[in-house]
């Protein structure tokens, strides 16, 4: 077993089932044995099967009531450079920048003649001022955003084919501009992982 769980489904193709439906198992327990027959006189096979179980994931969520995101203020400055070989000479856009936070995009053009690229060209540098804006959300929306992240993380950890069967909010409070929640997710997932048979087991 890859996790502590309650078995919900067991389908054995080859081997000896060691658990049954609704049985509680701990991480490391043998679910399907590859040893058949009496100890010492039996034979070993490659155990094959699918075992699903309910696994619990607990999350502490802190979701902000104000979502901050980047915006462009509309202010920008352009600089132009003349390129000669591997040197660039500023020819337009001298002076200090009128803003502190910005994004830069560069457009470069090189002169060509027939199939040759000449070591001469120019660069246009566009500097756009950025800022942050806040979008206020309700405590319910903040909670749902936090729950969505917890669900996505649980399903990613549980693996392909996992399904959330139940979710319980154990504790919830609003403090310091955030919604704090403790949530328990019950996930049905594949819990079997393959282990080699060690001689003498």
Protein backbone atom coordinates (compact mmCIF):
# COMPACT_ATOMS: atom_id res chain seq x y z
CA UNK A 1 0.00 0.00 0.00
CA UNK A 2 1.33 3.43 -0.95
CA UNK A 3 -0.73 5.18 1.76
CA UNK A 4 -2.97 4.59 4.77
CA UNK A 5 -6.42 3.92 3.29
CA UNK A 6 -9.72 2.06 3.38
CA UNK A 7 -9.98 -0.40 0.48
CA UNK A 8 -12.88 0.33 -1.87
CA UNK A 9 -12.09 -1.94 -4.81
CA UNK A 10 -9.81 -4.91 -5.40
CA UNK A 11 -9.33 -6.71 -8.71
CA UNK A 12 -6.66 -9.42 -8.77
CA UNK A 13 -5.44 -10.77 -12.11
CA UNK A 14 -2.63 -12.86 -10.69
CA UNK A 15 -1.53 -13.59 -7.13
CA UNK A 16 -3.21 -13.95 -3.74
CA UNK A 17 -5.40 -11.10 -2.40
CA UNK A 18 -4.38 -10.22 1.17
CA UNK A 19 -7.09 -7.61 1.79
CA UNK A 20 -10.79 -7.24 1.15
CA UNK A 21 -13.21 -4.39 0.53
CA UNK A 22 -13.78 -1.93 3.43
CA UNK A 23 -10.61 -3.12 5.14
CA UNK A 24 -8.32 -0.48 6.66
CA UNK A 25 -4.70 -0.76 5.49
CA UNK A 26 -1.53 1.05 6.47
CA UNK A 27 1.22 2.29 4.19
CA UNK A 28 3.51 -0.64 3.41
CA UNK A 29 0.91 -3.40 3.95
CA UNK A 30 0.86 -6.24 1.38
CA UNK A 31 -2.30 -5.99 -0.75
CA UNK A 32 -1.70 -8.76 -3.30
CA UNK A 33 0.94 -11.41 -2.65
CA UNK A 34 3.04 -13.01 -5.36
CA UNK A 35 3.67 -16.09 -3.20
CA UNK A 36 1.20 -18.94 -3.88
CA UNK A 37 0.80 -22.16 -1.90
CA UNK A 38 2.28 -23.24 1.42
CA UNK A 39 5.39 -21.50 2.77
CA UNK A 40 8.49 -23.35 1.59
CA UNK A 41 6.70 -25.42 -1.05
CA UNK A 42 4.79 -22.72 -2.94
CA UNK A 43 5.77 -20.79 -6.01
CA UNK A 44 6.34 -17.13 -6.76
CA UNK A 45 4.44 -15.28 -9.48
CA UNK A 46 4.29 -11.66 -10.58
CA UNK A 47 1.34 -10.25 -8.65
CA UNK A 48 -0.99 -8.23 -10.86
CA UNK A 49 -4.05 -6.33 -9.81
CA UNK A 50 -5.77 -3.06 -9.12
CA UNK A 51 -6.49 -1.92 -5.58
CA UNK A 52 -8.28 1.35 -4.92
CA UNK A 53 -8.83 2.96 -1.58
CA UNK A 54 -9.99 6.10 0.21
CA UNK A 55 -7.04 8.27 1.26
CA UNK A 56 -7.33 11.44 3.36
CA UNK A 57 -5.45 14.67 2.65
CA UNK A 58 -5.49 17.53 5.16
CA UNK A 59 -4.74 21.09 4.03
CA UNK A 60 -4.24 24.38 5.81
CA UNK A 61 -5.47 27.08 3.43
CA UNK A 62 -4.75 30.82 3.62
CA UNK A 63 -6.57 32.64 0.83
CA UNK A 64 -6.33 36.47 0.47
CA UNK A 65 -9.42 38.67 0.27
CA UNK A 66 -7.58 40.98 -2.14
CA UNK A 67 -6.02 39.43 -5.25
CA UNK A 68 -3.14 41.48 -6.59
CA UNK A 69 -2.14 41.36 -10.25
CA UNK A 70 0.22 43.21 -12.56
CA UNK A 71 -1.10 46.01 -14.75
CA UNK A 72 0.38 48.37 -17.35
CA UNK A 73 -0.12 52.02 -16.42
CA UNK A 74 0.08 53.23 -20.02
CA UNK A 75 3.30 55.20 -19.47
CA UNK A 76 6.21 54.09 -21.63
CA UNK A 77 9.52 55.19 -23.06
CA UNK A 78 11.31 54.15 -26.24
CA UNK A 79 15.04 53.94 -26.77
CA UNK A 80 16.75 53.38 -30.10
CA UNK A 81 20.26 52.07 -30.63
CA UNK A 82 22.49 51.91 -33.68
CA UNK A 83 24.27 48.56 -33.83
CA UNK A 84 27.75 48.33 -35.33
CA UNK A 85 29.19 44.82 -35.01
CA UNK A 86 28.78 43.82 -31.37
CA UNK A 87 28.37 47.39 -30.11
CA UNK A 88 25.13 49.29 -29.58
CA UNK A 89 25.13 53.12 -29.51
CA UNK A 90 22.14 54.92 -27.95
CA UNK A 91 20.82 57.48 -30.46
CA UNK A 92 17.30 58.18 -29.13
CA UNK A 93 15.65 58.17 -25.69
CA UNK A 94 18.30 59.72 -23.47
CA UNK A 95 17.61 60.65 -19.85
CA UNK A 96 16.38 59.06 -16.65
CA UNK A 97 13.41 56.74 -16.65
CA UNK A 98 10.31 58.44 -15.23
CA UNK A 99 9.18 55.21 -13.51
CA UNK A 100 10.71 52.52 -11.27
CA UNK A 101 8.94 49.29 -12.27
CA UNK A 102 8.77 48.40 -15.92
CA UNK A 103 8.95 45.65 -18.53
CA UNK A 104 11.25 45.74 -21.51
CA UNK A 105 10.61 44.40 -24.99
CA UNK A 106 13.32 44.48 -27.64
CA UNK A 107 12.96 44.55 -31.41
CA UNK A 108 16.16 44.06 -33.41
CA UNK A 109 16.70 44.60 -37.12
CA UNK A 110 19.82 43.80 -39.09
CA UNK A 111 20.68 45.05 -42.57
CA UNK A 112 20.95 42.41 -45.30
CA UNK A 113 22.28 42.58 -48.81
CA UNK A 114 21.44 39.63 -51.03
CA UNK A 115 22.33 36.53 -48.97
CA UNK A 116 24.71 38.36 -46.64
CA UNK A 117 23.87 39.73 -43.21
CA UNK A 118 25.73 42.97 -42.57
CA UNK A 119 27.17 43.85 -39.13
CA UNK A 120 24.96 46.96 -39.07
CA UNK A 121 21.45 47.36 -37.69
CA UNK A 122 19.36 48.93 -35.00
CA UNK A 123 17.53 48.03 -31.81
CA UNK A 124 14.24 49.46 -30.61
CA UNK A 125 13.76 49.05 -26.85
CA UNK A 126 10.29 49.63 -25.44
CA UNK A 127 10.00 50.18 -21.68
CA UNK A 128 6.45 49.99 -20.27
CA UNK A 129 5.64 51.04 -16.72
CA UNK A 130 3.99 48.36 -14.58
CA UNK A 131 2.07 48.52 -11.34
CA UNK A 132 -0.23 46.36 -9.22
CA UNK A 133 -3.98 46.48 -8.83
CA UNK A 134 -6.08 44.81 -6.17
CA UNK A 135 -9.36 43.00 -6.77
CA UNK A 136 -11.41 42.50 -3.59
CA UNK A 137 -13.32 39.23 -3.32
CA UNK A 138 -15.89 37.99 -0.80
CA UNK A 139 -14.85 35.55 1.95
CA UNK A 140 -16.86 32.84 0.16
CA UNK A 141 -15.00 33.47 -3.13
CA UNK A 142 -11.63 33.51 -1.33
CA UNK A 143 -12.51 30.22 0.36
CA UNK A 144 -13.55 28.63 -2.94
CA UNK A 145 -10.28 29.74 -4.56
CA UNK A 146 -8.30 28.14 -1.73
CA UNK A 147 -10.38 24.94 -1.94
CA UNK A 148 -9.80 24.75 -5.70
CA UNK A 149 -6.02 24.86 -5.14
CA UNK A 150 -6.25 22.15 -2.46
CA UNK A 151 -8.36 19.93 -4.76
CA UNK A 152 -5.91 20.35 -7.64
CA UNK A 153 -2.94 19.53 -5.40
CA UNK A 154 -4.64 16.44 -3.90
CA UNK A 155 -5.55 15.06 -7.34
CA UNK A 156 -2.01 15.68 -8.62
CA UNK A 157 -0.56 13.81 -5.63
CA UNK A 158 -3.10 10.98 -5.88
CA UNK A 159 -2.31 10.21 -9.53
CA UNK A 160 -4.30 9.38 -12.66
CA UNK A 161 -7.89 8.26 -12.18
CA UNK A 162 -8.22 9.72 -8.66
CA UNK A 163 -11.60 11.14 -7.63
CA UNK A 164 -12.50 13.38 -4.68
CA UNK A 165 -15.36 11.63 -2.86
CA UNK A 166 -15.89 14.06 0.00
CA UNK A 167 -14.54 17.26 1.50
CA UNK A 168 -14.99 18.54 5.05
CA UNK A 169 -14.14 22.00 6.33
CA UNK A 170 -12.81 21.41 9.85
CA UNK A 171 -12.12 25.03 10.77
CA UNK A 172 -12.58 28.45 9.16
CA UNK A 173 -11.75 32.02 10.22
CA UNK A 174 -11.10 35.45 8.69
CA UNK A 175 -8.06 37.31 10.00
CA UNK A 176 -5.60 39.86 8.67
CA UNK A 177 -7.18 40.13 5.22
CA UNK A 178 -7.19 36.36 4.62
CA UNK A 179 -9.56 33.44 4.94
CA UNK A 180 -7.94 30.60 6.90
CA UNK A 181 -9.36 27.11 6.53
CA UNK A 182 -8.45 23.60 7.56
CA UNK A 183 -9.98 21.11 5.14
CA UNK A 184 -9.99 17.32 4.87
CA UNK A 185 -10.31 15.80 1.39
CA UNK A 186 -11.32 12.16 0.95
CA UNK A 187 -9.84 10.88 -2.31
CA UNK A 188 -10.41 7.50 -3.99
CA UNK A 189 -7.19 6.50 -5.70
CA UNK A 190 -4.99 3.60 -6.77
CA UNK A 191 -3.07 2.56 -3.64
CA UNK A 192 -1.08 -0.45 -4.87
CA UNK A 193 2.59 -0.14 -5.70
CA UNK A 194 4.86 -2.91 -6.89
CA UNK A 195 7.56 -4.39 -4.67
CA UNK A 196 10.00 -7.20 -5.44
CA UNK A 197 9.69 -10.54 -3.64
CA UNK A 198 12.67 -10.87 -1.32
CA UNK A 199 14.09 -14.40 -1.00
CA UNK A 200 13.07 -15.93 2.33
CA UNK A 201 9.86 -13.89 2.75
